[in-house]
Protein backbone atom coordinates (compact mmCIF):
# COMPACT_ATOMS: atom_id res chain seq x y z
CA MET A 1 68.85 10.77 -31.50
CA SER A 2 66.94 9.53 -33.69
CA ARG A 3 62.90 9.41 -33.60
CA ARG A 4 62.20 5.82 -33.20
CA ASN A 5 65.03 5.54 -30.67
CA ILE A 6 63.06 9.03 -28.73
CA LEU A 7 60.01 6.93 -28.78
CA ARG A 8 61.69 3.95 -27.59
CA LEU A 9 62.96 5.79 -25.07
CA GLY A 10 59.11 7.79 -23.73
CA ILE A 11 57.64 4.08 -23.80
CA LEU A 12 59.97 2.84 -20.99
CA VAL A 13 59.93 6.10 -19.24
CA LEU A 14 56.14 6.10 -19.65
CA MET A 15 55.92 2.03 -18.92
CA ALA A 16 57.81 2.86 -15.73
CA ALA A 17 55.56 5.30 -14.61
CA LEU A 18 52.15 3.07 -14.44
CA VAL A 19 53.32 0.54 -12.67
CA PRO A 20 51.15 -0.11 -9.72
CA THR A 21 52.59 1.41 -6.55
CA GLN A 22 52.06 -1.72 -4.91
CA ALA A 23 54.32 -3.83 -7.93
CA VAL A 24 57.19 -1.81 -7.19
CA ALA A 25 59.57 -2.54 -10.65
CA GLN A 26 62.51 -5.14 -10.16
CA ASN A 27 66.44 -5.61 -11.52
CA VAL A 28 66.62 -7.43 -13.60
CA ARG A 29 70.22 -8.88 -14.57
CA TYR A 30 70.94 -9.57 -18.37
CA ILE A 31 73.17 -10.54 -20.78
CA LEU A 32 73.95 -7.76 -24.02
CA ARG A 33 76.14 -9.01 -26.47
CA SER A 34 77.29 -5.56 -28.20
CA PRO A 35 80.74 -5.02 -30.77
CA SER A 36 82.51 -3.39 -28.37
CA ALA A 37 82.68 -1.87 -25.06
CA SER A 38 81.52 1.48 -26.08
CA GLN A 39 78.46 0.13 -27.99
CA ALA A 40 77.37 -1.40 -25.29
CA GLN A 41 78.47 2.04 -22.88
CA ALA A 42 75.81 3.05 -25.89
CA ALA A 43 73.00 1.02 -25.48
CA CYS A 44 72.89 1.16 -21.18
CA GLN A 45 72.01 4.94 -22.30
CA ARG A 46 69.48 4.49 -24.61
CA TYR A 47 67.73 1.51 -23.24
CA GLY A 48 69.05 2.80 -19.14
CA TRP A 49 70.56 -0.41 -18.48
CA GLN A 50 74.09 -0.25 -16.08
CA MET A 51 76.72 -1.63 -17.08
CA VAL A 52 78.11 -4.73 -14.39
CA ARG A 53 80.59 -5.56 -15.99
CA ASN A 54 82.43 -7.31 -18.72
CA LEU A 55 81.97 -11.14 -19.08
CA ASP A 56 86.23 -11.68 -19.50
CA LYS A 57 85.26 -11.69 -23.40
CA PRO A 58 85.07 -8.27 -25.33
CA ASP A 59 81.91 -8.32 -26.52
CA ILE A 60 80.24 -9.81 -23.67
CA PHE A 61 78.79 -7.93 -20.85
CA LEU A 62 76.62 -8.00 -17.77
CA ILE A 63 73.95 -5.76 -16.86
CA VAL A 64 70.76 -4.15 -15.10
CA GLY A 65 67.54 -3.18 -15.59
CA SER A 66 64.40 -2.98 -14.35
CA ASP A 67 61.57 -6.02 -15.26
CA ALA A 68 59.44 -2.69 -16.02
CA VAL A 69 59.33 -3.40 -19.28
CA PRO A 70 58.23 -6.95 -20.23
CA PHE A 71 60.87 -8.84 -21.49
CA GLU A 72 59.25 -10.01 -25.20
CA THR A 73 59.13 -5.86 -25.13
CA LEU A 74 62.05 -4.96 -24.39
CA LYS A 75 63.74 -7.92 -27.20
CA GLN A 76 61.75 -6.07 -29.79
CA TRP A 77 63.05 -2.71 -28.95
CA VAL A 78 66.13 -3.74 -29.88
CA LYS A 79 65.75 -6.57 -32.60
CA ASP A 80 67.24 -3.80 -35.28
CA ASP A 81 69.73 -1.82 -32.69
CA PRO A 82 73.46 -2.74 -34.34
CA ASP A 83 74.55 -1.99 -30.68
CA VAL A 84 72.21 -5.84 -29.57
CA LYS A 85 73.62 -8.30 -30.77
CA ASN A 86 71.83 -10.46 -28.40
CA LEU A 87 70.02 -10.08 -25.46
CA GLU A 88 69.23 -12.55 -22.93
CA LYS A 89 67.91 -12.91 -19.19
CA ASN A 90 71.13 -13.91 -17.19
CA GLY A 91 69.25 -17.12 -15.72
CA LYS A 92 69.80 -19.99 -13.64
CA GLY A 93 71.66 -23.36 -13.45
CA LYS A 94 70.92 -26.04 -10.63
CA VAL A 95 73.30 -29.38 -10.68
CA SER A 96 71.71 -31.93 -11.65
CA GLU A 97 71.08 -33.46 -8.34
CA ASP A 98 69.26 -31.18 -7.44
CA VAL A 99 65.93 -32.99 -8.36
CA LEU A 100 66.94 -36.66 -8.61
CA VAL A 101 63.10 -38.44 -8.79
CA ASN A 102 62.02 -41.60 -7.66
CA VAL A 103 64.22 -42.06 -5.22
CA SER A 104 63.07 -41.94 -1.94
CA TYR A 105 66.15 -42.83 0.18
CA LEU A 106 69.79 -43.75 -0.64
CA PRO A 107 70.18 -47.83 0.52
CA THR A 108 72.85 -46.96 2.03
CA SER A 109 73.47 -50.69 3.25
CA ALA A 110 75.43 -51.25 0.14
CA VAL A 111 77.43 -48.60 1.13
CA SER A 112 77.35 -49.47 4.88
CA SER A 113 78.26 -53.44 4.24
CA GLY A 114 82.35 -52.10 2.50
CA LEU A 115 83.06 -49.87 6.21
CA ASN A 116 84.37 -53.33 7.51
CA ASP A 117 87.15 -53.04 5.17
CA ARG A 118 89.66 -50.46 5.82
CA ARG A 119 92.40 -51.46 3.41
CA LEU A 120 94.49 -48.01 1.58
CA THR A 121 95.56 -48.89 -1.61
CA ASN A 122 98.17 -46.69 -3.65
CA LEU A 123 96.72 -45.06 -6.83
CA TYR A 124 99.90 -43.91 -8.48
CA GLY A 125 101.53 -42.38 -5.43
CA THR A 126 98.29 -41.20 -3.09
CA ASN A 127 97.22 -44.08 -0.62
CA VAL A 128 93.28 -44.34 -0.76
CA TRP A 129 90.31 -46.31 0.39
CA VAL A 130 90.57 -49.82 -1.35
CA ASN A 131 86.74 -49.66 -2.57
CA TYR A 132 87.04 -46.54 -4.16
CA VAL A 133 89.60 -47.84 -6.52
CA GLN A 134 87.86 -51.52 -6.63
CA GLN A 135 84.29 -50.26 -6.96
CA PRO A 136 82.70 -52.41 -9.33
CA ALA A 137 81.09 -49.28 -12.20
CA LEU A 138 85.38 -49.06 -13.04
CA ALA A 139 85.98 -52.70 -13.80
CA LEU A 140 82.32 -52.10 -15.25
CA VAL A 141 83.02 -49.32 -17.94
CA LYS A 142 87.43 -49.53 -17.97
CA PRO A 143 88.41 -53.24 -18.31
CA ALA A 144 91.60 -54.92 -17.92
CA GLU A 145 92.83 -54.44 -21.49
CA VAL A 146 92.34 -50.23 -21.14
CA ALA A 147 92.87 -50.22 -17.15
CA ASN A 148 96.56 -48.10 -17.40
CA ILE A 149 95.51 -45.54 -19.89
CA LEU A 150 95.81 -42.59 -17.86
CA GLY A 151 95.00 -39.60 -19.31
CA ALA A 152 98.54 -38.92 -19.15
CA GLY A 153 98.94 -34.51 -19.29
CA VAL A 154 95.46 -34.13 -20.70
CA VAL A 155 93.60 -31.02 -18.50
CA ILE A 156 89.85 -32.50 -17.79
CA ALA A 157 87.89 -28.15 -16.60
CA ILE A 158 85.00 -29.67 -14.09
CA VAL A 159 82.11 -26.10 -14.05
CA ASP A 160 81.19 -26.82 -10.34
CA THR A 161 80.94 -25.76 -6.78
CA GLY A 162 84.63 -26.04 -6.37
CA VAL A 163 86.77 -28.69 -4.90
CA ASP A 164 88.25 -29.73 -2.02
CA PRO A 165 92.05 -28.99 -3.18
CA ARG A 166 93.57 -30.78 -0.19
CA HIS A 167 91.76 -33.51 -0.34
CA PRO A 168 94.13 -36.59 -0.39
CA VAL A 169 92.70 -37.92 -3.69
CA LEU A 170 92.75 -35.06 -5.76
CA ALA A 171 95.52 -32.38 -4.40
CA GLY A 172 98.87 -33.78 -6.11
CA VAL A 173 96.38 -32.90 -9.36
CA LEU A 174 94.33 -30.17 -9.63
CA VAL A 175 95.83 -27.43 -12.11
CA PRO A 176 94.94 -23.87 -10.98
CA GLY A 177 91.32 -22.48 -11.29
CA TYR A 178 89.12 -19.94 -10.85
CA ASP A 179 86.25 -18.76 -8.95
CA PHE A 180 83.46 -16.77 -10.80
CA THR A 181 81.82 -16.37 -8.09
CA ARG A 182 83.94 -14.45 -6.38
CA ASN A 183 86.24 -13.68 -8.34
CA VAL A 184 89.75 -15.17 -7.38
CA GLU A 185 92.17 -17.27 -9.72
CA GLY A 186 93.65 -20.28 -8.19
CA SER A 187 92.28 -23.05 -5.59
CA ALA A 188 88.84 -22.79 -6.59
CA SER A 189 87.92 -24.48 -3.02
CA GLU A 190 84.45 -25.11 -2.09
CA LEU A 191 85.51 -24.89 1.49
CA ALA A 192 84.80 -21.27 1.29
CA ASP A 193 81.28 -21.67 0.90
CA LEU A 194 81.72 -22.46 5.26
CA ASP A 195 81.06 -20.26 7.77
CA GLN A 196 84.82 -20.66 9.82
CA SER A 197 83.80 -22.93 12.20
CA THR A 198 81.98 -25.58 10.05
CA ALA A 199 85.50 -25.71 7.31
CA ALA A 200 87.19 -25.78 10.21
CA ILE A 201 85.93 -29.21 11.99
CA LEU A 202 86.35 -30.61 7.88
CA GLU A 203 89.25 -28.74 7.51
CA GLN A 204 91.30 -30.59 10.83
CA SER A 205 89.98 -34.10 9.60
CA THR A 206 91.62 -33.61 6.33
CA THR A 207 95.16 -32.22 8.29
CA ALA A 208 94.73 -35.34 10.49
CA ILE A 209 94.37 -37.70 7.15
CA LEU A 210 97.65 -35.73 5.42
CA GLU A 211 99.98 -36.42 8.55
CA GLN A 212 98.67 -40.48 8.88
CA SER A 213 98.55 -41.29 5.46
CA THR A 214 98.74 -44.60 6.08
CA THR A 215 96.41 -44.91 9.19
CA ALA A 216 93.11 -46.89 8.41
CA ILE A 217 91.48 -43.85 7.06
CA LEU A 218 87.86 -45.40 8.08
CA GLU A 219 88.26 -46.04 11.95
CA GLY A 220 85.28 -45.04 13.54
CA ALA A 221 83.40 -43.59 11.03
CA ARG A 222 79.10 -44.27 9.20
CA VAL A 223 77.36 -43.66 6.95
CA VAL A 224 75.51 -40.32 6.45
CA GLN A 225 73.17 -38.97 4.67
CA LEU A 226 72.87 -35.93 3.46
CA ASN A 227 70.73 -35.27 1.19
CA GLN A 228 68.65 -37.32 -1.56
CA SER A 229 71.82 -37.69 -3.50
CA THR A 230 74.63 -38.33 -1.58
CA ALA A 231 75.54 -40.79 1.67
CA ALA A 232 78.86 -39.13 3.28
CA ILE A 233 81.25 -41.21 5.50
CA LEU A 234 82.47 -39.18 8.01
CA GLU A 235 84.27 -39.82 10.76
CA GLN A 236 81.46 -40.55 14.48
CA SER A 237 83.33 -36.83 15.88
CA THR A 238 82.61 -34.66 12.96
CA ALA A 239 79.17 -36.59 11.80
CA ALA A 240 78.43 -35.78 15.53
CA ILE A 241 79.70 -32.12 15.40
CA LEU A 242 77.70 -31.19 12.32
CA GLU A 243 74.52 -33.00 13.17
CA GLY A 244 74.00 -29.18 14.41
CA THR A 245 75.74 -27.31 11.43
CA PRO A 246 73.85 -28.77 8.83
CA LEU A 247 76.26 -28.54 5.58
CA PRO A 248 74.58 -26.55 2.51
CA ALA A 249 72.66 -28.87 0.04
CA TYR A 250 75.12 -29.18 -2.33
CA PHE A 251 78.01 -28.80 -0.31
CA GLY A 252 80.91 -31.26 -2.06
CA HIS A 253 79.41 -31.41 -5.10
CA GLY A 254 82.39 -30.33 -7.17
CA THR A 255 84.57 -32.85 -4.66
CA MET A 256 83.12 -35.89 -6.33
CA VAL A 257 82.60 -34.54 -9.32
CA ALA A 258 86.30 -34.96 -9.41
CA GLY A 259 86.69 -37.45 -7.70
CA LEU A 260 85.12 -40.27 -10.42
CA VAL A 261 86.76 -37.79 -13.09
CA HIS A 262 90.10 -39.12 -11.45
CA LEU A 263 89.21 -42.34 -10.66
CA VAL A 264 88.92 -43.00 -14.45
CA ALA A 265 91.97 -41.14 -15.56
CA PRO A 266 94.43 -40.85 -12.36
CA GLY A 267 97.32 -39.53 -14.76
CA ALA A 268 94.99 -36.50 -15.52
CA LYS A 269 95.11 -32.61 -14.63
CA ILE A 270 91.60 -31.39 -13.25
CA MET A 271 91.06 -27.82 -13.42
CA PRO A 272 88.20 -26.68 -10.98
CA LEU A 273 86.00 -24.07 -11.58
CA LYS A 274 83.63 -23.00 -9.70
CA ALA A 275 80.55 -21.21 -11.21
CA PHE A 276 77.90 -22.81 -8.76
CA ARG A 277 77.09 -21.88 -5.15
CA ALA A 278 77.17 -24.82 -2.41
CA ASP A 279 73.06 -24.92 -3.09
CA GLY A 280 73.81 -26.19 -5.97
CA THR A 281 73.15 -23.14 -8.15
CA ALA A 282 75.01 -20.56 -10.93
CA SER A 283 74.03 -17.53 -13.02
CA THR A 284 74.04 -18.07 -16.82
CA ALA A 285 76.47 -15.41 -17.48
CA ASN A 286 79.03 -17.69 -14.85
CA ILE A 287 78.39 -20.79 -16.26
CA VAL A 288 78.98 -19.24 -19.51
CA ARG A 289 82.60 -17.18 -18.23
CA ALA A 290 83.80 -20.31 -17.07
CA ILE A 291 83.60 -21.81 -20.37
CA TYR A 292 84.99 -19.59 -22.04
CA TYR A 293 87.90 -19.82 -19.56
CA ALA A 294 88.38 -23.26 -20.36
CA ALA A 295 88.29 -23.28 -23.62
CA ASP A 296 91.37 -20.10 -22.78
CA HIS A 297 93.22 -22.16 -20.81
CA GLY A 298 94.71 -25.16 -21.70
CA ALA A 299 91.42 -27.49 -21.27
CA LYS A 300 90.91 -30.76 -23.62
CA VAL A 301 87.85 -31.52 -21.66
CA ILE A 302 85.13 -29.84 -19.88
CA ASN A 303 82.74 -31.79 -17.14
CA MET A 304 80.27 -30.09 -16.66
CA SER A 305 77.20 -31.72 -14.34
CA PHE A 306 74.21 -28.82 -14.12
CA SER A 307 71.11 -29.33 -16.47
CA ILE A 308 69.48 -25.16 -17.22
CA PRO A 309 65.81 -25.39 -18.16
CA GLU A 310 66.08 -23.20 -21.04
CA PHE A 311 67.68 -22.86 -24.43
CA SER A 312 70.75 -20.36 -23.73
CA ASP A 313 72.45 -19.09 -26.76
CA GLU A 314 75.48 -17.50 -24.96
CA VAL A 315 76.22 -20.65 -23.15
CA MET A 316 75.58 -21.94 -26.84
CA ARG A 317 78.18 -19.85 -28.30
CA ALA A 318 80.65 -20.55 -25.24
CA ILE A 319 80.53 -23.58 -26.37
CA ASN A 320 80.44 -22.97 -29.76
CA TYR A 321 84.06 -21.28 -28.90
CA ALA A 322 85.26 -24.58 -27.00
CA SER A 323 84.37 -26.85 -29.45
CA ARG A 324 86.00 -24.93 -32.41
CA LYS A 325 89.18 -25.71 -29.89
CA ASN A 326 88.84 -29.26 -30.45
CA VAL A 327 87.52 -29.14 -26.73
CA ILE A 328 85.27 -32.03 -25.95
CA CYS A 329 82.29 -31.46 -23.64
CA ILE A 330 80.62 -33.53 -21.83
CA ALA A 331 77.38 -33.00 -19.71
CA SER A 332 75.07 -34.34 -17.28
CA VAL A 333 70.88 -34.94 -18.64
CA GLY A 334 69.30 -34.74 -15.07
CA ASN A 335 67.18 -37.04 -13.37
CA GLU A 336 63.81 -35.51 -13.71
CA ALA A 337 62.72 -38.75 -14.88
CA SER A 338 62.02 -36.99 -17.64
CA ARG A 339 61.86 -36.57 -21.99
CA ASP A 340 62.82 -32.51 -21.46
CA LEU A 341 65.55 -31.10 -22.90
CA ARG A 342 67.99 -30.24 -20.53
CA TYR A 343 70.56 -27.87 -21.13
CA PRO A 344 73.75 -28.22 -22.42
CA ALA A 345 73.74 -31.73 -22.50
CA ALA A 346 70.87 -31.36 -25.97
CA LEU A 347 73.09 -29.75 -27.56
CA GLY A 348 73.99 -30.81 -30.48
CA ASN A 349 78.49 -31.10 -29.97
CA VAL A 350 78.03 -31.76 -26.17
CA ILE A 351 78.13 -35.54 -25.38
CA GLY A 352 74.76 -35.67 -22.90
CA VAL A 353 75.45 -38.94 -20.00
CA GLY A 354 72.38 -40.54 -18.75
CA SER A 355 72.48 -43.10 -16.00
CA THR A 356 72.21 -46.69 -15.17
CA THR A 357 71.82 -49.73 -13.32
CA MET A 358 75.33 -52.13 -12.44
CA SER A 359 72.21 -54.49 -14.26
CA ASP A 360 72.91 -52.17 -17.97
CA GLN A 361 68.93 -51.00 -16.76
CA PRO A 362 67.95 -47.41 -16.95
CA SER A 363 68.18 -45.42 -13.32
CA VAL A 364 64.32 -44.77 -12.56
CA PHE A 365 66.30 -41.04 -12.34
CA THR A 366 67.38 -40.66 -15.63
CA ASN A 367 65.94 -38.32 -18.08
CA LEU A 368 65.60 -40.12 -21.17
CA GLY A 369 65.98 -39.49 -24.74
CA ALA A 370 67.54 -39.85 -28.34
CA ASP A 371 67.42 -35.69 -28.50
CA MET A 372 68.93 -35.42 -26.09
CA VAL A 373 70.97 -38.86 -24.16
CA SER A 374 73.96 -39.30 -26.21
CA LEU A 375 75.48 -42.12 -23.64
CA ALA A 376 74.80 -43.57 -20.61
CA ALA A 377 77.27 -44.99 -17.86
CA PRO A 378 76.68 -46.74 -13.92
CA GLY A 379 74.95 -43.50 -11.85
CA GLU A 380 74.27 -45.23 -8.93
CA ALA A 381 76.21 -46.11 -5.26
CA LEU A 382 79.07 -44.88 -6.55
CA VAL A 383 82.61 -43.84 -4.24
CA THR A 384 83.79 -41.10 -4.60
CA ALA A 385 85.82 -38.33 -2.61
CA TYR A 386 83.74 -35.78 0.10
CA PRO A 387 85.89 -33.30 1.40
CA GLY A 388 87.82 -33.14 4.42
CA GLY A 389 89.58 -36.07 3.36
CA HIS A 390 86.65 -38.09 3.37
CA TYR A 391 84.00 -40.19 0.80
CA ALA A 392 80.77 -40.70 -0.30
CA ALA A 393 78.46 -42.79 -1.92
CA VAL A 394 77.02 -40.36 -4.56
CA TRP A 395 73.55 -41.55 -6.58
CA GLY A 396 72.49 -39.13 -10.20
CA THR A 397 73.56 -38.38 -13.99
CA SER A 398 76.47 -35.70 -12.36
CA PHE A 399 78.41 -38.45 -11.85
CA SER A 400 78.17 -41.42 -14.57
CA ALA A 401 78.91 -37.84 -16.53
CA ALA A 402 82.10 -37.67 -14.87
CA LEU A 403 83.06 -40.65 -15.71
CA VAL A 404 82.86 -40.38 -19.40
CA SER A 405 84.83 -36.22 -18.94
CA GLY A 406 87.72 -39.62 -17.12
CA GLY A 407 86.92 -41.63 -20.28
CA ALA A 408 87.14 -38.19 -22.63
CA ALA A 409 91.48 -38.17 -20.95
CA VAL A 410 91.94 -41.34 -21.57
CA LEU A 411 90.66 -41.39 -25.26
CA VAL A 412 92.86 -38.63 -25.82
CA ASP A 413 95.76 -40.34 -23.92
CA GLY A 414 94.69 -43.95 -25.71
CA VAL A 415 96.42 -42.76 -29.27
CA LYS A 416 99.57 -41.07 -27.91
CA LYS A 417 102.47 -41.23 -30.20
CA GLU A 418 106.20 -40.00 -30.23
CA GLU A 419 106.81 -36.66 -32.04
CA MET A 420 103.14 -36.45 -33.63
CA SER A 421 100.17 -33.50 -32.62
CA ILE A 422 97.23 -36.46 -32.77
CA SER A 423 94.16 -34.07 -32.33
CA ILE A 424 90.90 -35.55 -31.39
CA GLU A 425 87.48 -33.47 -31.62
CA GLN A 426 84.12 -33.61 -29.75
CA ALA A 427 82.78 -35.66 -33.45
CA ASP A 428 85.66 -38.18 -32.48
CA ALA A 429 85.33 -38.82 -28.80
CA ARG A 430 80.51 -39.03 -29.95
CA ARG A 431 81.93 -41.36 -31.87
CA ALA A 432 83.97 -43.75 -29.92
CA PHE A 433 81.99 -43.83 -27.62
CA GLY A 434 79.33 -44.79 -29.48
CA ARG A 435 81.07 -47.68 -29.96
CA SER A 436 79.25 -49.29 -26.64
CA VAL A 437 77.46 -51.26 -24.21
CA PRO A 438 73.85 -52.04 -26.01
CA LEU A 439 71.26 -51.05 -23.67
CA ASN A 440 67.94 -52.37 -24.32
CA THR A 441 66.06 -49.20 -24.82
CA LEU A 442 67.31 -46.49 -27.16
CA ASP A 443 66.29 -43.89 -24.85
CA LEU A 444 69.98 -43.81 -23.32
CA GLY A 445 71.33 -43.31 -26.56
CA GLU A 446 74.51 -45.38 -28.00
CA GLY A 447 74.33 -47.68 -24.84
CA ARG A 448 76.56 -48.09 -22.39
CA LEU A 449 80.09 -46.59 -22.01
CA ASP A 450 82.86 -49.29 -22.83
CA LEU A 451 86.36 -47.58 -22.55
CA ASN A 452 87.66 -50.46 -24.03
CA LYS A 453 85.79 -50.30 -27.05
CA ALA A 454 86.04 -46.66 -27.61
CA VAL A 455 89.60 -46.36 -27.02
CA HIS A 456 89.95 -49.42 -29.84
CA TYR A 457 87.62 -47.43 -32.33
CA ILE A 458 89.77 -44.44 -31.92
CA ARG A 459 93.01 -45.86 -32.43
CA GLU A 460 91.62 -47.23 -35.56
CA ILE A 461 90.89 -44.25 -36.81
CA LYS A 462 93.46 -41.74 -35.96
CA LEU A 463 96.66 -44.03 -36.07
CA PRO A 464 98.72 -44.46 -39.35
CA PRO A 465 98.86 -47.69 -40.04
CA VAL A 466 101.60 -50.25 -39.48
CA LYS A 467 104.03 -50.09 -42.75
């Protein structure tokens, strides 16, 4: 061992010994980038770290160290170490609705009024609530001129809390995903976050709906405010049972995002990637794994309805990797009514999405600023799927981003030609989305999403001229 490394190890031991007894050292998780597994192991031995696992790429690892040494000091120690290409704390991401400011209550009366209309309608082979299909936001962003462009064959990965794989709205369009919170490939069901009795309540409801798909699904339903962003439409019996067993704070977030993606692009396939728990949090490591998984398993669009308050080099590297594979990356900008940067929306190769009202005004909660917001879409009182075969009304930039992600699949589908392979990259999508409805502010990027204008533009630049 070199004298430098002996000195570093001695300092580490000394600092650990000097930690006051009342401030016992705690374990801290880091993400380590190293040229190889053997070099990562060598770095762990050198600095007293423990290897937890490889992060599904040969040069990225999750490790555990002690907080006895300040992180900035540790960064200086590894600065010139050839075995350490990057070291960062394994931070935390949150679903964007974890903070929804300036909204003290949800105006559920707008939702309740729709309960009188219990009609079902057919959405490409599935019976769904008519107010889901005919909601104003869909007509606003996807006018009649492009209504029949379905995003057919496009895979959209949704990095979120998972989905309800048996929901009638989603069951027919899901492809296998991955649950990174449990390291299980398959349905990435968010019902696994509930205890068995609570999950059974919702699953029984799903079974009834699947067996009686032509029955009015809103019989005896009422609107139940679950949190500051979600008003679920539940049967009286389900609501009554769940009153004594509150659901986790952001249970259903992934299903609700998926429902809006599917609404805009009903022909697209949805890949659920469960990086988030039902409390709305995820580790940076699982977010990174999910992005790489999406890029390596055929996703053309990645929806990221979450935010990380601090820049992460490894999240940026993962998104760069996806971009090199021509994956369109879309993220919500957050709901703090702030101009502070939130990631990944603030990254240059991500389309950051803010929220507007139905009258094209900025939502009171949306984050703002040209350095982060590329585009806006409606984000208030949107009707979408909710676990257990239910529906919900939602507020927040997470759901605005979902509309844009579905729109990205529409762009890809809009230039399909027989026997032609036409690739749409992130830059193409950004320019196409820039053909939007102008707003009275520059703080929401290029304006409000208009898929008719976007598809028209992308066809002009991608399709060969007619001879």
